[in-house]
Amino acid sequence: MRRTKYSNEFKVQVVKEALETRNKAAVARRYELASNMLHRWVKEYESGKWGVISVEGISPLETKKLSQENDHLKRLLGEKDLEIAILRDLVKKKNPHLLTKLK
């Protein structure tokens, strides 16, 4: 069986499609690729091994880290909002006249 050499542009196109659809197996079938090959391409792409930079000028690995940090900060903000709501509720029950000063 002859080994096929794929261009970097093709690899990036296939990897981006696999990441967007979140279905590597279907994308591999569509392009008649071995699923383990596509899985390896995705790992290489995410690790920045290809040196590919996204449109924003940020590597895929950095984008992933920033996304994880963003998710963490959103959770933290939600928790703090909940804490504030609970504390305001407690203040309202204990000292209703203080509530007007807090707002």
PDB file of N, CA and C in Angstrom:
ATOM      1  N   MET A   1       0.834  -1.167   0.000  1.00  0.00           N
ATOM      2  CA  MET A   1       0.000   0.000   0.000  1.00  0.00           C
ATOM      3  C   MET A   1       0.890   1.246   0.000  1.00  0.00           C
ATOM      4  N   ARG A   2       0.583   2.180  -0.865  1.00  0.00           N
ATOM      5  CA  ARG A   2       1.380   3.388  -1.016  1.00  0.00           C
ATOM      6  C   ARG A   2       1.033   4.403   0.071  1.00  0.00           C
ATOM      7  N   ARG A   3       2.049   5.020   0.605  1.00  0.00           N
ATOM      8  CA  ARG A   3       1.864   6.015   1.659  1.00  0.00           C
ATOM      9  C   ARG A   3       1.566   7.376   1.020  1.00  0.00           C
ATOM     10  N   THR A   4       0.515   8.035   1.498  1.00  0.00           N
ATOM     11  CA  THR A   4       0.106   9.316   0.939  1.00  0.00           C
ATOM     12  C   THR A   4       0.672  10.451   1.774  1.00  0.00           C
ATOM     13  N   LYS A   5       1.187  11.464   1.102  1.00  0.00           N
ATOM     14  CA  LYS A   5       1.707  12.664   1.771  1.00  0.00           C
ATOM     15  C   LYS A   5       0.649  13.754   1.648  1.00  0.00           C
ATOM     16  N   TYR A   6       0.186  14.237   2.785  1.00  0.00           N
ATOM     17  CA  TYR A   6      -0.848  15.267   2.801  1.00  0.00           C
ATOM     18  C   TYR A   6      -0.205  16.630   3.053  1.00  0.00           C
ATOM     19  N   SER A   7      -0.720  17.646   2.393  1.00  0.00           N
ATOM     20  CA  SER A   7      -0.194  19.001   2.588  1.00  0.00           C
ATOM     21  C   SER A   7      -0.624  19.532   3.953  1.00  0.00           C
ATOM     22  N   ASN A   8       0.132  20.483   4.454  1.00  0.00           N
ATOM     23  CA  ASN A   8      -0.215  21.084   5.742  1.00  0.00           C
ATOM     24  C   ASN A   8      -1.552  21.802   5.667  1.00  0.00           C
ATOM     25  N   GLU A   9      -1.848  22.423   4.532  1.00  0.00           N
ATOM     26  CA  GLU A   9      -3.126  23.123   4.374  1.00  0.00           C
ATOM     27  C   GLU A   9      -4.290  22.141   4.499  1.00  0.00           C
ATOM     28  N   PHE A  10      -4.143  20.975   3.875  1.00  0.00           N
ATOM     29  CA  PHE A  10      -5.187  19.952   3.953  1.00  0.00           C
ATOM     30  C   PHE A  10      -5.353  19.479   5.394  1.00  0.00           C
ATOM     31  N   LYS A  11      -4.231  19.226   6.059  1.00  0.00           N
ATOM     32  CA  LYS A  11      -4.287  18.759   7.447  1.00  0.00           C
ATOM     33  C   LYS A  11      -4.999  19.776   8.338  1.00  0.00           C
ATOM     34  N   VAL A  12      -4.641  21.050   8.187  1.00  0.00           N
ATOM     35  CA  VAL A  12      -5.253  22.098   9.007  1.00  0.00           C
ATOM     36  C   VAL A  12      -6.745  22.175   8.727  1.00  0.00           C
ATOM     37  N   GLN A  13      -7.128  22.082   7.458  1.00  0.00           N
ATOM     38  CA  GLN A  13      -8.547  22.129   7.088  1.00  0.00           C
ATOM     39  C   GLN A  13      -9.316  20.984   7.745  1.00  0.00           C
ATOM     40  N   VAL A  14      -8.777  19.780   7.667  1.00  0.00           N
ATOM     41  CA  VAL A  14      -9.443  18.606   8.228  1.00  0.00           C
ATOM     42  C   VAL A  14      -9.501  18.703   9.753  1.00  0.00           C
ATOM     43  N   VAL A  15      -8.413  19.126  10.365  1.00  0.00           N
ATOM     44  CA  VAL A  15      -8.375  19.244  11.830  1.00  0.00           C
ATOM     45  C   VAL A  15      -9.384  20.277  12.309  1.00  0.00           C
ATOM     46  N   LYS A  16      -9.439  21.423  11.640  1.00  0.00           N
ATOM     47  CA  LYS A  16     -10.397  22.460  12.047  1.00  0.00           C
ATOM     48  C   LYS A  16     -11.827  21.951  11.923  1.00  0.00           C
ATOM     49  N   GLU A  17     -12.105  21.215  10.860  1.00  0.00           N
ATOM     50  CA  GLU A  17     -13.449  20.644  10.705  1.00  0.00           C
ATOM     51  C   GLU A  17     -13.744  19.648  11.819  1.00  0.00           C
ATOM     52  N   ALA A  18     -12.759  18.826  12.163  1.00  0.00           N
ATOM     53  CA  ALA A  18     -12.950  17.843  13.233  1.00  0.00           C
ATOM     54  C   ALA A  18     -13.197  18.534  14.572  1.00  0.00           C
ATOM     55  N   LEU A  19     -12.490  19.627  14.823  1.00  0.00           N
ATOM     56  CA  LEU A  19     -12.669  20.350  16.083  1.00  0.00           C
ATOM     57  C   LEU A  19     -14.010  21.076  16.121  1.00  0.00           C
ATOM     58  N   GLU A  20     -14.440  21.614  14.987  1.00  0.00           N
ATOM     59  CA  GLU A  20     -15.724  22.326  14.937  1.00  0.00           C
ATOM     60  C   GLU A  20     -16.899  21.373  15.116  1.00  0.00           C
ATOM     61  N   THR A  21     -16.835  20.219  14.449  1.00  0.00           N
ATOM     62  CA  THR A  21     -17.948  19.267  14.520  1.00  0.00           C
ATOM     63  C   THR A  21     -17.872  18.390  15.760  1.00  0.00           C
ATOM     64  N   ARG A  22     -16.691  18.324  16.375  1.00  0.00           N
ATOM     65  CA  ARG A  22     -16.458  17.471  17.553  1.00  0.00           C
ATOM     66  C   ARG A  22     -16.743  15.993  17.262  1.00  0.00           C
ATOM     67  N   ASN A  23     -16.551  15.604  16.010  1.00  0.00           N
ATOM     68  CA  ASN A  23     -16.773  14.215  15.618  1.00  0.00           C
ATOM     69  C   ASN A  23     -15.629  13.798  14.700  1.00  0.00           C
ATOM     70  N   LYS A  24     -14.526  13.381  15.313  1.00  0.00           N
ATOM     71  CA  LYS A  24     -13.333  13.026  14.548  1.00  0.00           C
ATOM     72  C   LYS A  24     -13.569  11.823  13.647  1.00  0.00           C
ATOM     73  N   ALA A  25     -14.326  10.854  14.131  1.00  0.00           N
ATOM     74  CA  ALA A  25     -14.549   9.632  13.355  1.00  0.00           C
ATOM     75  C   ALA A  25     -15.289   9.934  12.054  1.00  0.00           C
ATOM     76  N   ALA A  26     -16.321  10.774  12.119  1.00  0.00           N
ATOM     77  CA  ALA A  26     -17.096  11.107  10.919  1.00  0.00           C
ATOM     78  C   ALA A  26     -16.248  11.889   9.923  1.00  0.00           C
ATOM     79  N   VAL A  27     -15.443  12.807  10.428  1.00  0.00           N
ATOM     80  CA  VAL A  27     -14.582  13.596   9.542  1.00  0.00           C
ATOM     81  C   VAL A  27     -13.539  12.687   8.898  1.00  0.00           C
ATOM     82  N   ALA A  28     -12.983  11.767   9.666  1.00  0.00           N
ATOM     83  CA  ALA A  28     -11.997  10.826   9.119  1.00  0.00           C
ATOM     84  C   ALA A  28     -12.618   9.982   8.008  1.00  0.00           C
ATOM     85  N   ARG A  29     -13.839   9.507   8.225  1.00  0.00           N
ATOM     86  CA  ARG A  29     -14.527   8.727   7.182  1.00  0.00           C
ATOM     87  C   ARG A  29     -14.776   9.572   5.941  1.00  0.00           C
ATOM     88  N   ARG A  30     -15.167  10.811   6.159  1.00  0.00           N
ATOM     89  CA  ARG A  30     -15.481  11.699   5.029  1.00  0.00           C
ATOM     90  C   ARG A  30     -14.271  11.892   4.120  1.00  0.00           C
ATOM     91  N   TYR A  31     -13.094  12.025   4.718  1.00  0.00           N
ATOM     92  CA  TYR A  31     -11.876  12.240   3.937  1.00  0.00           C
ATOM     93  C   TYR A  31     -11.099  10.943   3.696  1.00  0.00           C
ATOM     94  N   GLU A  32     -11.694   9.823   4.075  1.00  0.00           N
ATOM     95  CA  GLU A  32     -11.086   8.497   3.898  1.00  0.00           C
ATOM     96  C   GLU A  32      -9.705   8.428   4.562  1.00  0.00           C
ATOM     97  N   LEU A  33      -9.681   8.846   5.820  1.00  0.00           N
ATOM     98  CA  LEU A  33      -8.457   8.805   6.616  1.00  0.00           C
ATOM     99  C   LEU A  33      -8.632   7.818   7.760  1.00  0.00           C
ATOM    100  N   ALA A  34      -7.533   7.292   8.241  1.00  0.00           N
ATOM    101  CA  ALA A  34      -7.589   6.460   9.440  1.00  0.00           C
ATOM    102  C   ALA A  34      -7.884   7.375  10.625  1.00  0.00           C
ATOM    103  N   SER A  35      -8.792   6.945  11.493  1.00  0.00           N
ATOM    104  CA  SER A  35      -9.188   7.803  12.616  1.00  0.00           C
ATOM    105  C   SER A  35      -8.016   8.093  13.552  1.00  0.00           C
ATOM    106  N   ASN A  36      -7.104   7.125  13.704  1.00  0.00           N
ATOM    107  CA  ASN A  36      -5.949   7.375  14.575  1.00  0.00           C
ATOM    108  C   ASN A  36      -5.014   8.432  13.977  1.00  0.00           C
ATOM    109  N   MET A  37      -4.965   8.519  12.639  1.00  0.00           N
ATOM    110  CA  MET A  37      -4.149   9.542  11.996  1.00  0.00           C
ATOM    111  C   MET A  37      -4.733  10.929  12.281  1.00  0.00           C
ATOM    112  N   LEU A  38      -6.049  11.040  12.137  1.00  0.00           N
ATOM    113  CA  LEU A  38      -6.697  12.321  12.404  1.00  0.00           C
ATOM    114  C   LEU A  38      -6.530  12.705  13.874  1.00  0.00           C
ATOM    115  N   HIS A  39      -6.648  11.724  14.752  1.00  0.00           N
ATOM    116  CA  HIS A  39      -6.461  11.988  16.183  1.00  0.00           C
ATOM    117  C   HIS A  39      -5.054  12.534  16.437  1.00  0.00           C
ATOM    118  N   ARG A  40      -4.057  11.956  15.781  1.00  0.00           N
ATOM    119  CA  ARG A  40      -2.671  12.417  15.927  1.00  0.00           C
ATOM    120  C   ARG A  40      -2.514  13.837  15.371  1.00  0.00           C
ATOM    121  N   TRP A  41      -3.139  14.106  14.226  1.00  0.00           N
ATOM    122  CA  TRP A  41      -3.080  15.449  13.641  1.00  0.00           C
ATOM    123  C   TRP A  41      -3.673  16.484  14.599  1.00  0.00           C
ATOM    124  N   VAL A  42      -4.794  16.129  15.224  1.00  0.00           N
ATOM    125  CA  VAL A  42      -5.445  17.058  16.153  1.00  0.00           C
ATOM    126  C   VAL A  42      -4.522  17.347  17.330  1.00  0.00           C
ATOM    127  N   LYS A  43      -3.902  16.308  17.887  1.00  0.00           N
ATOM    128  CA  LYS A  43      -2.983  16.503  19.016  1.00  0.00           C
ATOM    129  C   LYS A  43      -1.800  17.387  18.613  1.00  0.00           C
ATOM    130  N   GLU A  44      -1.252  17.137  17.423  1.00  0.00           N
ATOM    131  CA  GLU A  44      -0.127  17.941  16.948  1.00  0.00           C
ATOM    132  C   GLU A  44      -0.553  19.394  16.737  1.00  0.00           C
ATOM    133  N   TYR A  45      -1.735  19.580  16.192  1.00  0.00           N
ATOM    134  CA  TYR A  45      -2.260  20.930  15.953  1.00  0.00           C
ATOM    135  C   TYR A  45      -2.445  21.670  17.270  1.00  0.00           C
ATOM    136  N   GLU A  46      -3.059  21.009  18.256  1.00  0.00           N
ATOM    137  CA  GLU A  46      -3.328  21.644  19.546  1.00  0.00           C
ATOM    138  C   GLU A  46      -2.053  21.929  20.331  1.00  0.00           C
ATOM    139  N   SER A  47      -1.034  21.117  20.136  1.00  0.00           N
ATOM    140  CA  SER A  47       0.221  21.332  20.862  1.00  0.00           C
ATOM    141  C   SER A  47       1.068  22.423  20.219  1.00  0.00           C
ATOM    142  N   GLY A  48       0.658  22.887  19.035  1.00  0.00           N
ATOM    143  CA  GLY A  48       1.404  23.929  18.345  1.00  0.00           C
ATOM    144  C   GLY A  48       2.603  23.395  17.590  1.00  0.00           C
ATOM    145  N   LYS A  49       2.672  22.090  17.406  1.00  0.00           N
ATOM    146  CA  LYS A  49       3.808  21.464  16.745  1.00  0.00           C
ATOM    147  C   LYS A  49       3.961  21.940  15.304  1.00  0.00           C
ATOM    148  N   TRP A  50       2.860  22.245  14.654  1.00  0.00           N
ATOM    149  CA  TRP A  50       2.912  22.670  13.256  1.00  0.00           C
ATOM    150  C   TRP A  50       3.264  24.140  13.128  1.00  0.00           C
ATOM    151  N   GLY A  51       3.242  24.857  14.232  1.00  0.00           N
ATOM    152  CA  GLY A  51       3.535  26.280  14.177  1.00  0.00           C
ATOM    153  C   GLY A  51       2.420  27.080  13.537  1.00  0.00           C
ATOM    154  N   VAL A  52       1.229  26.523  13.524  1.00  0.00           N
ATOM    155  CA  VAL A  52       0.083  27.191  12.912  1.00  0.00           C
ATOM    156  C   VAL A  52      -0.433  28.247  13.873  1.00  0.00           C
ATOM    157  N   ILE A  53      -0.701  29.405  13.337  1.00  0.00           N
ATOM    158  CA  ILE A  53      -1.259  30.496  14.123  1.00  0.00           C
ATOM    159  C   ILE A  53      -2.662  30.759  13.607  1.00  0.00           C
ATOM    160  N   SER A  54      -3.591  30.932  14.522  1.00  0.00           N
ATOM    161  CA  SER A  54      -4.975  31.184  14.126  1.00  0.00           C
ATOM    162  C   SER A  54      -5.114  32.602  13.582  1.00  0.00           C
ATOM    163  N   VAL A  55      -6.279  32.922  13.104  1.00  0.00           N
ATOM    164  CA  VAL A  55      -6.554  34.233  12.520  1.00  0.00           C
ATOM    165  C   VAL A  55      -6.259  35.347  13.517  1.00  0.00           C
ATOM    166  N   GLU A  56      -6.532  35.112  14.790  1.00  0.00           N
ATOM    167  CA  GLU A  56      -6.321  36.126  15.815  1.00  0.00           C
ATOM    168  C   GLU A  56      -4.847  36.279  16.177  1.00  0.00           C
ATOM    169  N   GLY A  57      -3.982  35.430  15.655  1.00  0.00           N
ATOM    170  CA  GLY A  57      -2.565  35.499  15.983  1.00  0.00           C
ATOM    171  C   GLY A  57      -2.205  34.736  17.238  1.00  0.00           C
ATOM    172  N   ILE A  58      -3.073  33.828  17.667  1.00  0.00           N
ATOM    173  CA  ILE A  58      -2.851  33.047  18.880  1.00  0.00           C
ATOM    174  C   ILE A  58      -2.788  31.573  18.490  1.00  0.00           C
ATOM    175  N   SER A  59      -1.845  30.857  19.058  1.00  0.00           N
ATOM    176  CA  SER A  59      -1.723  29.436  18.752  1.00  0.00           C
ATOM    177  C   SER A  59      -2.910  28.671  19.332  1.00  0.00           C
ATOM    178  N   PRO A  60      -3.242  27.522  18.746  1.00  0.00           N
ATOM    179  CA  PRO A  60      -4.370  26.726  19.261  1.00  0.00           C
ATOM    180  C   PRO A  60      -4.202  26.326  20.723  1.00  0.00           C
ATOM    181  N   LEU A  61      -2.978  26.036  21.138  1.00  0.00           N
ATOM    182  CA  LEU A  61      -2.730  25.653  22.532  1.00  0.00           C
ATOM    183  C   LEU A  61      -3.034  26.827  23.464  1.00  0.00           C
ATOM    184  N   GLU A  62      -2.599  28.019  23.062  1.00  0.00           N
ATOM    185  CA  GLU A  62      -2.863  29.202  23.880  1.00  0.00           C
ATOM    186  C   GLU A  62      -4.361  29.508  23.909  1.00  0.00           C
ATOM    187  N   THR A  63      -5.026  29.306  22.782  1.00  0.00           N
ATOM    188  CA  THR A  63      -6.472  29.517  22.716  1.00  0.00           C
ATOM    189  C   THR A  63      -7.186  28.587  23.681  1.00  0.00           C
ATOM    190  N   LYS A  64      -6.751  27.329  23.725  1.00  0.00           N
ATOM    191  CA  LYS A  64      -7.365  26.351  24.623  1.00  0.00           C
ATOM    192  C   LYS A  64      -7.155  26.754  26.085  1.00  0.00           C
ATOM    193  N   LYS A  65      -5.945  27.191  26.419  1.00  0.00           N
ATOM    194  CA  LYS A  65      -5.660  27.616  27.795  1.00  0.00           C
ATOM    195  C   LYS A  65      -6.504  28.826  28.178  1.00  0.00           C
ATOM    196  N   LEU A  66      -6.612  29.787  27.263  1.00  0.00           N
ATOM    197  CA  LEU A  66      -7.411  30.981  27.541  1.00  0.00           C
ATOM    198  C   LEU A  66      -8.885  30.633  27.707  1.00  0.00           C
ATOM    199  N   SER A  67      -9.358  29.688  26.922  1.00  0.00           N
ATOM    200  CA  SER A  67     -10.753  29.255  27.031  1.00  0.00           C
ATOM    201  C   SER A  67     -11.012  28.605  28.388  1.00  0.00           C
ATOM    202  N   GLN A  68     -10.074  27.774  28.840  1.00  0.00           N
ATOM    203  CA  GLN A  68     -10.215  27.133  30.144  1.00  0.00           C
ATOM    204  C   GLN A  68     -10.191  28.170  31.265  1.00  0.00           C
ATOM    205  N   GLU A  69      -9.300  29.159  31.150  1.00  0.00           N
ATOM    206  CA  GLU A  69      -9.236  30.212  32.161  1.00  0.00           C
ATOM    207  C   GLU A  69     -10.529  31.026  32.167  1.00  0.00           C
ATOM    208  N   ASN A  70     -11.058  31.296  30.978  1.00  0.00           N
ATOM    209  CA  ASN A  70     -12.315  32.035  30.861  1.00  0.00           C
ATOM    210  C   ASN A  70     -13.455  31.275  31.536  1.00  0.00           C
ATOM    211  N   ASP A  71     -13.539  29.973  31.293  1.00  0.00           N
ATOM    212  CA  ASP A  71     -14.579  29.155  31.928  1.00  0.00           C
ATOM    213  C   ASP A  71     -14.448  29.185  33.451  1.00  0.00           C
ATOM    214  N   HIS A  72     -13.213  29.080  33.935  1.00  0.00           N
ATOM    215  CA  HIS A  72     -12.963  29.114  35.383  1.00  0.00           C
ATOM    216  C   HIS A  72     -13.417  30.449  35.976  1.00  0.00           C
ATOM    217  N   LEU A  73     -13.070  31.537  35.307  1.00  0.00           N
ATOM    218  CA  LEU A  73     -13.440  32.862  35.816  1.00  0.00           C
ATOM    219  C   LEU A  73     -14.949  33.079  35.779  1.00  0.00           C
ATOM    220  N   LYS A  74     -15.622  32.537  34.776  1.00  0.00           N
ATOM    221  CA  LYS A  74     -17.085  32.647  34.716  1.00  0.00           C
ATOM    222  C   LYS A  74     -17.729  31.907  35.883  1.00  0.00           C
ATOM    223  N   ARG A  75     -17.209  30.710  36.196  1.00  0.00           N
ATOM    224  CA  ARG A  75     -17.730  29.955  37.340  1.00  0.00           C
ATOM    225  C   ARG A  75     -17.504  30.728  38.633  1.00  0.00           C
ATOM    226  N   LEU A  76     -16.317  31.287  38.785  1.00  0.00           N
ATOM    227  CA  LEU A  76     -15.980  32.058  39.976  1.00  0.00           C
ATOM    228  C   LEU A  76     -16.893  33.273  40.114  1.00  0.00           C
ATOM    229  N   LEU A  77     -17.143  33.963  39.019  1.00  0.00           N
ATOM    230  CA  LEU A  77     -18.030  35.122  39.044  1.00  0.00           C
ATOM    231  C   LEU A  77     -19.445  34.712  39.440  1.00  0.00           C
ATOM    232  N   GLY A  78     -19.915  33.588  38.915  1.00  0.00           N
ATOM    233  CA  GLY A  78     -21.242  33.094  39.282  1.00  0.00           C
ATOM    234  C   GLY A  78     -21.341  32.783  40.764  1.00  0.00           C
ATOM    235  N   GLU A  79     -20.290  32.163  41.307  1.00  0.00           N
ATOM    236  CA  GLU A  79     -20.277  31.852  42.736  1.00  0.00           C
ATOM    237  C   GLU A  79     -20.310  33.131  43.574  1.00  0.00           C
ATOM    238  N   LYS A  80     -19.544  34.129  43.165  1.00  0.00           N
ATOM    239  CA  LYS A  80     -19.506  35.395  43.915  1.00  0.00           C
ATOM    240  C   LYS A  80     -20.857  36.105  43.844  1.00  0.00           C
ATOM    241  N   ASP A  81     -21.500  36.079  42.681  1.00  0.00           N
ATOM    242  CA  ASP A  81     -22.833  36.684  42.553  1.00  0.00           C
ATOM    243  C   ASP A  81     -23.824  35.999  43.486  1.00  0.00           C
ATOM    244  N   LEU A  82     -23.725  34.679  43.574  1.00  0.00           N
ATOM    245  CA  LEU A  82     -24.607  33.922  44.459  1.00  0.00           C
ATOM    246  C   LEU A  82     -24.337  34.279  45.924  1.00  0.00           C
ATOM    247  N   GLU A  83     -23.060  34.387  46.288  1.00  0.00           N
ATOM    248  CA  GLU A  83     -22.706  34.772  47.660  1.00  0.00           C
ATOM    249  C   GLU A  83     -23.273  36.145  48.008  1.00  0.00           C
ATOM    250  N   ILE A  84     -23.150  37.081  47.094  1.00  0.00           N
ATOM    251  CA  ILE A  84     -23.667  38.434  47.333  1.00  0.00           C
ATOM    252  C   ILE A  84     -25.175  38.402  47.520  1.00  0.00           C
ATOM    253  N   ALA A  85     -25.866  37.636  46.694  1.00  0.00           N
ATOM    254  CA  ALA A  85     -27.322  37.546  46.807  1.00  0.00           C
ATOM    255  C   ALA A  85     -27.725  36.953  48.152  1.00  0.00           C
ATOM    256  N   ILE A  86     -27.006  35.931  48.588  1.00  0.00           N
ATOM    257  CA  ILE A  86     -27.309  35.297  49.878  1.00  0.00           C
ATOM    258  C   ILE A  86     -27.054  36.272  51.023  1.00  0.00           C
ATOM    259  N   LEU A  87     -25.933  36.976  50.970  1.00  0.00           N
ATOM    260  CA  LEU A  87     -25.612  37.935  52.031  1.00  0.00           C
ATOM    261  C   LEU A  87     -26.615  39.087  52.070  1.00  0.00           C
ATOM    262  N   ARG A  88     -27.040  39.565  50.922  1.00  0.00           N
ATOM    263  CA  ARG A  88     -28.051  40.630  50.903  1.00  0.00           C
ATOM    264  C   ARG A  88     -29.364  40.143  51.493  1.00  0.00           C
ATOM    265  N   ASP A  89     -29.695  38.901  51.205  1.00  0.00           N
ATOM    266  CA  ASP A  89     -30.917  38.312  51.759  1.00  0.00           C
ATOM    267  C   ASP A  89     -30.829  38.246  53.287  1.00  0.00           C
ATOM    268  N   LEU A  90     -29.665  37.833  53.792  1.00  0.00           N
ATOM    269  CA  LEU A  90     -29.469  37.768  55.243  1.00  0.00           C
ATOM    270  C   LEU A  90     -29.556  39.150  55.884  1.00  0.00           C
ATOM    271  N   VAL A  91     -28.945  40.128  55.253  1.00  0.00           N
ATOM    272  CA  VAL A  91     -28.986  41.489  55.791  1.00  0.00           C
ATOM    273  C   VAL A  91     -30.417  41.992  55.807  1.00  0.00           C
ATOM    274  N   LYS A  92     -31.159  41.696  54.761  1.00  0.00           N
ATOM    275  CA  LYS A  92     -32.550  42.140  54.674  1.00  0.00           C
ATOM    276  C   LYS A  92     -33.380  41.536  55.804  1.00  0.00           C
ATOM    277  N   LYS A  93     -33.099  40.287  56.146  1.00  0.00           N
ATOM    278  CA  LYS A  93     -33.859  39.622  57.207  1.00  0.00           C
ATOM    279  C   LYS A  93     -33.457  40.137  58.588  1.00  0.00           C
ATOM    280  N   LYS A  94     -32.165  40.408  58.789  1.00  0.00           N
ATOM    281  CA  LYS A  94     -31.677  40.839  60.104  1.00  0.00           C
ATOM    282  C   LYS A  94     -31.923  42.332  60.343  1.00  0.00           C
ATOM    283  N   ASN A  95     -31.527  43.150  59.376  1.00  0.00           N
ATOM    284  CA  ASN A  95     -31.618  44.607  59.520  1.00  0.00           C
ATOM    285  C   ASN A  95     -32.206  45.210  58.239  1.00  0.00           C
ATOM    286  N   PRO A  96     -33.496  45.280  58.120  1.00  0.00           N
ATOM    287  CA  PRO A  96     -34.104  45.798  56.889  1.00  0.00           C
ATOM    288  C   PRO A  96     -33.706  47.241  56.576  1.00  0.00           C
ATOM    289  N   HIS A  97     -33.418  48.042  57.580  1.00  0.00           N
ATOM    290  CA  HIS A  97     -33.065  49.442  57.332  1.00  0.00           C
ATOM    291  C   HIS A  97     -31.675  49.580  56.694  1.00  0.00           C
ATOM    292  N   LEU A  98     -30.786  48.578  56.839  1.00  0.00           N
ATOM    293  CA  LEU A  98     -29.459  48.620  56.223  1.00  0.00           C
ATOM    294  C   LEU A  98     -29.506  48.353  54.723  1.00  0.00           C
ATOM    295  N   LEU A  99     -30.535  47.711  54.258  1.00  0.00           N
ATOM    296  CA  LEU A  99     -30.635  47.350  52.851  1.00  0.00           C
ATOM    297  C   LEU A  99     -30.617  48.581  51.956  1.00  0.00           C
ATOM    298  N   THR A 100     -31.270  49.648  52.377  1.00  0.00           N
ATOM    299  CA  THR A 100     -31.288  50.866  51.562  1.00  0.00           C
ATOM    300  C   THR A 100     -29.904  51.487  51.468  1.00  0.00           C
ATOM    301  N   LYS A 101     -29.072  51.329  52.469  1.00  0.00           N
ATOM    302  CA  LYS A 101     -27.709  51.862  52.448  1.00  0.00           C
ATOM    303  C   LYS A 101     -26.805  51.052  51.521  1.00  0.00           C
ATOM    304  N   LEU A 102     -27.071  49.750  51.367  1.00  0.00           N
ATOM    305  CA  LEU A 102     -26.238  48.887  50.535  1.00  0.00           C
ATOM    306  C   LEU A 102     -26.458  49.124  49.051  1.00  0.00           C
ATOM    307  N   LYS A 103     -27.637  49.547  48.671  1.00  0.00           N
ATOM    308  CA  LYS A 103     -27.930  49.723  47.240  1.00  0.00           C
ATOM    309  C   LYS A 103     -27.481  51.025  46.729  1.00  0.00           C
TER     310      LYS A 103
END
